[in-house]
């Protein structure tokens, strides 16, 4: 939407912010639709999924920045719940590691639902390893608990 309209200020982030403020159920359906629409020939198309989910992550960043710069934010966004909805579809780790802006989202408790989450413990970027460090013990305990 932003690219095709040649907009100087991103409009899609503001629209998503408004919709998530008005109706969180809409965001749940929207994320589920993105997940469903990114399956081609029975396989999940990772680049397409990442590209579509990045808009939601950008909205969360934009909402956080707006909250910092205004005395009272225009919209109350449940960041944690929206992130939980994203993690429910088991997104690829690359969604959060390809851009420095998104690494902090890995600190969310539901981040352990990410596809191949354990790879983040040995990721070459130290910022990624730091963001997931608090999850490492829980993931290891859960993994070995299942094997016993």
C-alpha atoms as a PDB file:
ATOM      1  CA  UNK A   1       0.000   0.000   0.000  1.00  0.00           C
ATOM      2  CA  UNK A   2       2.750   2.426   0.970  1.00  0.00           C
ATOM      3  CA  UNK A   3       4.908   1.712  -2.072  1.00  0.00           C
ATOM      4  CA  UNK A   4       2.086   1.808  -4.623  1.00  0.00           C
ATOM      5  CA  UNK A   5       0.760   5.075  -3.227  1.00  0.00           C
ATOM      6  CA  UNK A   6       4.192   6.736  -3.112  1.00  0.00           C
ATOM      7  CA  UNK A   7       3.342   7.932   0.375  1.00  0.00           C
ATOM      8  CA  UNK A   8       5.877   9.920   2.315  1.00  0.00           C
ATOM      9  CA  UNK A   9       4.462   8.728   5.647  1.00  0.00           C
ATOM     10  CA  UNK A  10       3.564   5.034   5.950  1.00  0.00           C
ATOM     11  CA  UNK A  11      -0.178   4.676   5.981  1.00  0.00           C
ATOM     12  CA  UNK A  12      -0.401   0.918   6.512  1.00  0.00           C
ATOM     13  CA  UNK A  13       1.180   1.123   9.995  1.00  0.00           C
ATOM     14  CA  UNK A  14      -1.392   3.673  11.083  1.00  0.00           C
ATOM     15  CA  UNK A  15      -4.268   1.625   9.681  1.00  0.00           C
ATOM     16  CA  UNK A  16      -3.068  -1.543  11.403  1.00  0.00           C
ATOM     17  CA  UNK A  17      -2.607   0.386  14.638  1.00  0.00           C
ATOM     18  CA  UNK A  18      -6.163   1.688  14.431  1.00  0.00           C
ATOM     19  CA  UNK A  19      -7.591  -1.765  13.644  1.00  0.00           C
ATOM     20  CA  UNK A  20      -5.668  -3.469  16.442  1.00  0.00           C
ATOM     21  CA  UNK A  21      -6.881  -0.773  18.844  1.00  0.00           C
ATOM     22  CA  UNK A  22     -10.514  -1.168  17.792  1.00  0.00           C
ATOM     23  CA  UNK A  23     -10.661  -4.949  17.371  1.00  0.00           C
ATOM     24  CA  UNK A  24      -7.933  -7.355  18.482  1.00  0.00           C
ATOM     25  CA  UNK A  25      -9.955 -10.234  17.002  1.00  0.00           C
ATOM     26  CA  UNK A  26      -9.366  -8.658  13.593  1.00  0.00           C
ATOM     27  CA  UNK A  27      -5.600  -8.917  14.123  1.00  0.00           C
ATOM     28  CA  UNK A  28      -5.950 -12.584  15.033  1.00  0.00           C
ATOM     29  CA  UNK A  29      -7.899 -13.265  11.826  1.00  0.00           C
ATOM     30  CA  UNK A  30      -5.506 -11.109   9.781  1.00  0.00           C
ATOM     31  CA  UNK A  31      -2.437 -12.996  11.026  1.00  0.00           C
ATOM     32  CA  UNK A  32      -4.145 -16.356  10.425  1.00  0.00           C
ATOM     33  CA  UNK A  33      -5.044 -15.238   6.889  1.00  0.00           C
ATOM     34  CA  UNK A  34      -1.455 -14.198   6.210  1.00  0.00           C
ATOM     35  CA  UNK A  35      -0.297 -17.638   7.366  1.00  0.00           C
ATOM     36  CA  UNK A  36      -2.884 -19.367   5.188  1.00  0.00           C
ATOM     37  CA  UNK A  37      -2.205 -17.215   2.109  1.00  0.00           C
ATOM     38  CA  UNK A  38       1.534 -17.888   2.280  1.00  0.00           C
ATOM     39  CA  UNK A  39       1.125 -21.594   1.578  1.00  0.00           C
ATOM     40  CA  UNK A  40       1.797 -22.538  -2.020  1.00  0.00           C
ATOM     41  CA  UNK A  41       1.650 -26.118  -3.261  1.00  0.00           C
ATOM     42  CA  UNK A  42       1.207 -27.375   0.277  1.00  0.00           C
ATOM     43  CA  UNK A  43       4.388 -25.685   1.531  1.00  0.00           C
ATOM     44  CA  UNK A  44       4.819 -22.477   3.471  1.00  0.00           C
ATOM     45  CA  UNK A  45       6.547 -19.796   1.397  1.00  0.00           C
ATOM     46  CA  UNK A  46       8.876 -18.284   3.987  1.00  0.00           C
ATOM     47  CA  UNK A  47       9.861 -15.067   2.130  1.00  0.00           C
ATOM     48  CA  UNK A  48       6.204 -14.235   1.517  1.00  0.00           C
ATOM     49  CA  UNK A  49       5.285 -14.891   5.150  1.00  0.00           C
ATOM     50  CA  UNK A  50       8.178 -12.750   6.379  1.00  0.00           C
ATOM     51  CA  UNK A  51       7.293  -9.882   4.038  1.00  0.00           C
ATOM     52  CA  UNK A  52       3.674  -9.887   5.208  1.00  0.00           C
ATOM     53  CA  UNK A  53       4.425 -10.157   8.926  1.00  0.00           C
ATOM     54  CA  UNK A  54       7.014  -7.375   8.773  1.00  0.00           C
ATOM     55  CA  UNK A  55       4.175  -4.891   8.303  1.00  0.00           C
ATOM     56  CA  UNK A  56       2.714  -5.905  11.655  1.00  0.00           C
ATOM     57  CA  UNK A  57       6.103  -5.726  13.380  1.00  0.00           C
ATOM     58  CA  UNK A  58       6.642  -2.267  11.874  1.00  0.00           C
ATOM     59  CA  UNK A  59       3.262  -1.224  13.250  1.00  0.00           C
ATOM     60  CA  UNK A  60       4.306  -2.373  16.725  1.00  0.00           C
ATOM     61  CA  UNK A  61       7.550  -0.397  16.465  1.00  0.00           C
ATOM     62  CA  UNK A  62       5.703   2.659  15.175  1.00  0.00           C
ATOM     63  CA  UNK A  63       3.171   2.411  18.013  1.00  0.00           C
ATOM     64  CA  UNK A  64       5.999   2.188  20.564  1.00  0.00           C
ATOM     65  CA  UNK A  65       7.762   5.220  19.113  1.00  0.00           C
ATOM     66  CA  UNK A  66       4.522   7.196  19.029  1.00  0.00           C
ATOM     67  CA  UNK A  67       3.916   6.346  22.675  1.00  0.00           C
ATOM     68  CA  UNK A  68       7.370   7.698  23.558  1.00  0.00           C
ATOM     69  CA  UNK A  69       6.810  11.004  21.776  1.00  0.00           C
ATOM     70  CA  UNK A  70       3.268  11.798  22.871  1.00  0.00           C
ATOM     71  CA  UNK A  71       1.910  12.501  26.326  1.00  0.00           C
ATOM     72  CA  UNK A  72      -1.138  10.322  25.644  1.00  0.00           C
ATOM     73  CA  UNK A  73      -0.968   7.862  22.745  1.00  0.00           C
ATOM     74  CA  UNK A  74      -3.830   7.938  20.266  1.00  0.00           C
ATOM     75  CA  UNK A  75      -4.308   4.168  20.395  1.00  0.00           C
ATOM     76  CA  UNK A  76      -3.802   1.582  23.085  1.00  0.00           C
ATOM     77  CA  UNK A  77      -2.135  -1.385  21.425  1.00  0.00           C
ATOM     78  CA  UNK A  78      -1.712  -4.694  23.234  1.00  0.00           C
ATOM     79  CA  UNK A  79       1.826  -5.338  21.965  1.00  0.00           C
ATOM     80  CA  UNK A  80       2.292  -8.528  23.954  1.00  0.00           C
ATOM     81  CA  UNK A  81      -0.973 -10.057  22.698  1.00  0.00           C
ATOM     82  CA  UNK A  82      -0.227  -9.207  19.055  1.00  0.00           C
ATOM     83  CA  UNK A  83       3.237 -10.733  19.369  1.00  0.00           C
ATOM     84  CA  UNK A  84       1.669 -13.834  20.929  1.00  0.00           C
ATOM     85  CA  UNK A  85      -0.642 -14.096  17.914  1.00  0.00           C
ATOM     86  CA  UNK A  86       2.353 -13.939  15.581  1.00  0.00           C
ATOM     87  CA  UNK A  87       4.250 -16.563  17.581  1.00  0.00           C
ATOM     88  CA  UNK A  88       1.188 -18.854  17.519  1.00  0.00           C
ATOM     89  CA  UNK A  89       1.728 -19.456  13.789  1.00  0.00           C
ATOM     90  CA  UNK A  90       5.353 -20.532  14.423  1.00  0.00           C
ATOM     91  CA  UNK A  91       7.052 -17.945  12.197  1.00  0.00           C
ATOM     92  CA  UNK A  92      10.563 -18.539  10.883  1.00  0.00           C
ATOM     93  CA  UNK A  93      13.447 -17.275  12.997  1.00  0.00           C
ATOM     94  CA  UNK A  94      14.612 -15.137  10.064  1.00  0.00           C
ATOM     95  CA  UNK A  95      11.624 -12.835  10.563  1.00  0.00           C
ATOM     96  CA  UNK A  96      13.278 -11.533  13.719  1.00  0.00           C
ATOM     97  CA  UNK A  97      16.967 -11.899  12.880  1.00  0.00           C
ATOM     98  CA  UNK A  98      17.176 -10.308   9.433  1.00  0.00           C
ATOM     99  CA  UNK A  99      16.513  -6.821  10.793  1.00  0.00           C
ATOM    100  CA  UNK A 100      18.070  -5.283  13.892  1.00  0.00           C
ATOM    101  CA  UNK A 101      14.740  -3.578  14.674  1.00  0.00           C
ATOM    102  CA  UNK A 102      12.994  -6.898  15.298  1.00  0.00           C
ATOM    103  CA  UNK A 103      15.553  -8.676  17.505  1.00  0.00           C
ATOM    104  CA  UNK A 104      14.059  -7.317  20.737  1.00  0.00           C
ATOM    105  CA  UNK A 105      10.797  -9.150  19.955  1.00  0.00           C
ATOM    106  CA  UNK A 106      12.686 -12.395  20.660  1.00  0.00           C
ATOM    107  CA  UNK A 107      12.563 -11.499  24.368  1.00  0.00           C
ATOM    108  CA  UNK A 108       8.809 -12.197  24.415  1.00  0.00           C
ATOM    109  CA  UNK A 109       7.967 -15.374  26.389  1.00  0.00           C
ATOM    110  CA  UNK A 110       6.150 -16.946  23.415  1.00  0.00           C
ATOM    111  CA  UNK A 111       9.208 -16.557  21.168  1.00  0.00           C
ATOM    112  CA  UNK A 112      10.058 -20.182  21.937  1.00  0.00           C
ATOM    113  CA  UNK A 113       7.285 -21.144  19.484  1.00  0.00           C
ATOM    114  CA  UNK A 114       9.381 -19.884  16.568  1.00  0.00           C
ATOM    115  CA  UNK A 115      10.263 -22.499  14.010  1.00  0.00           C
ATOM    116  CA  UNK A 116      13.836 -23.711  14.730  1.00  0.00           C
ATOM    117  CA  UNK A 117      14.080 -21.496  17.809  1.00  0.00           C
ATOM    118  CA  UNK A 118      17.061 -23.433  19.166  1.00  0.00           C
ATOM    119  CA  UNK A 119      19.172 -22.124  16.272  1.00  0.00           C
ATOM    120  CA  UNK A 120      18.998 -18.686  17.879  1.00  0.00           C
ATOM    121  CA  UNK A 121      21.226 -19.899  20.754  1.00  0.00           C
ATOM    122  CA  UNK A 122      24.156 -20.227  18.354  1.00  0.00           C
ATOM    123  CA  UNK A 123      23.245 -17.381  16.000  1.00  0.00           C
ATOM    124  CA  UNK A 124      26.292 -15.396  14.743  1.00  0.00           C
ATOM    125  CA  UNK A 125      24.742 -12.092  15.888  1.00  0.00           C
ATOM    126  CA  UNK A 126      25.422 -11.538  19.618  1.00  0.00           C
ATOM    127  CA  UNK A 127      22.305  -9.332  19.897  1.00  0.00           C
ATOM    128  CA  UNK A 128      20.160 -12.326  18.915  1.00  0.00           C
ATOM    129  CA  UNK A 129      21.905 -14.575  21.447  1.00  0.00           C
ATOM    130  CA  UNK A 130      21.392 -11.966  24.181  1.00  0.00           C
ATOM    131  CA  UNK A 131      17.695 -11.540  23.351  1.00  0.00           C
ATOM    132  CA  UNK A 132      17.008 -15.273  23.654  1.00  0.00           C
ATOM    133  CA  UNK A 133      19.359 -16.031  26.552  1.00  0.00           C
ATOM    134  CA  UNK A 134      16.582 -15.975  29.153  1.00  0.00           C
ATOM    135  CA  UNK A 135      14.666 -18.638  27.181  1.00  0.00           C
ATOM    136  CA  UNK A 136      17.571 -21.048  26.858  1.00  0.00           C
ATOM    137  CA  UNK A 137      17.103 -22.878  30.169  1.00  0.00           C
ATOM    138  CA  UNK A 138      13.344 -23.241  29.678  1.00  0.00           C
ATOM    139  CA  UNK A 139      13.746 -24.646  26.168  1.00  0.00           C
ATOM    140  CA  UNK A 140      16.411 -27.113  27.273  1.00  0.00           C
ATOM    141  CA  UNK A 141      14.323 -28.249  30.287  1.00  0.00           C
ATOM    142  CA  UNK A 142      11.235 -28.712  28.106  1.00  0.00           C
ATOM    143  CA  UNK A 143      13.170 -30.633  25.441  1.00  0.00           C
ATOM    144  CA  UNK A 144      14.736 -33.079  27.872  1.00  0.00           C
ATOM    145  CA  UNK A 145      11.529 -33.412  29.888  1.00  0.00           C
ATOM    146  CA  UNK A 146       9.806 -34.748  26.747  1.00  0.00           C
ATOM    147  CA  UNK A 147      12.587 -37.284  26.166  1.00  0.00           C
ATOM    148  CA  UNK A 148      12.424 -38.735  29.714  1.00  0.00           C
END
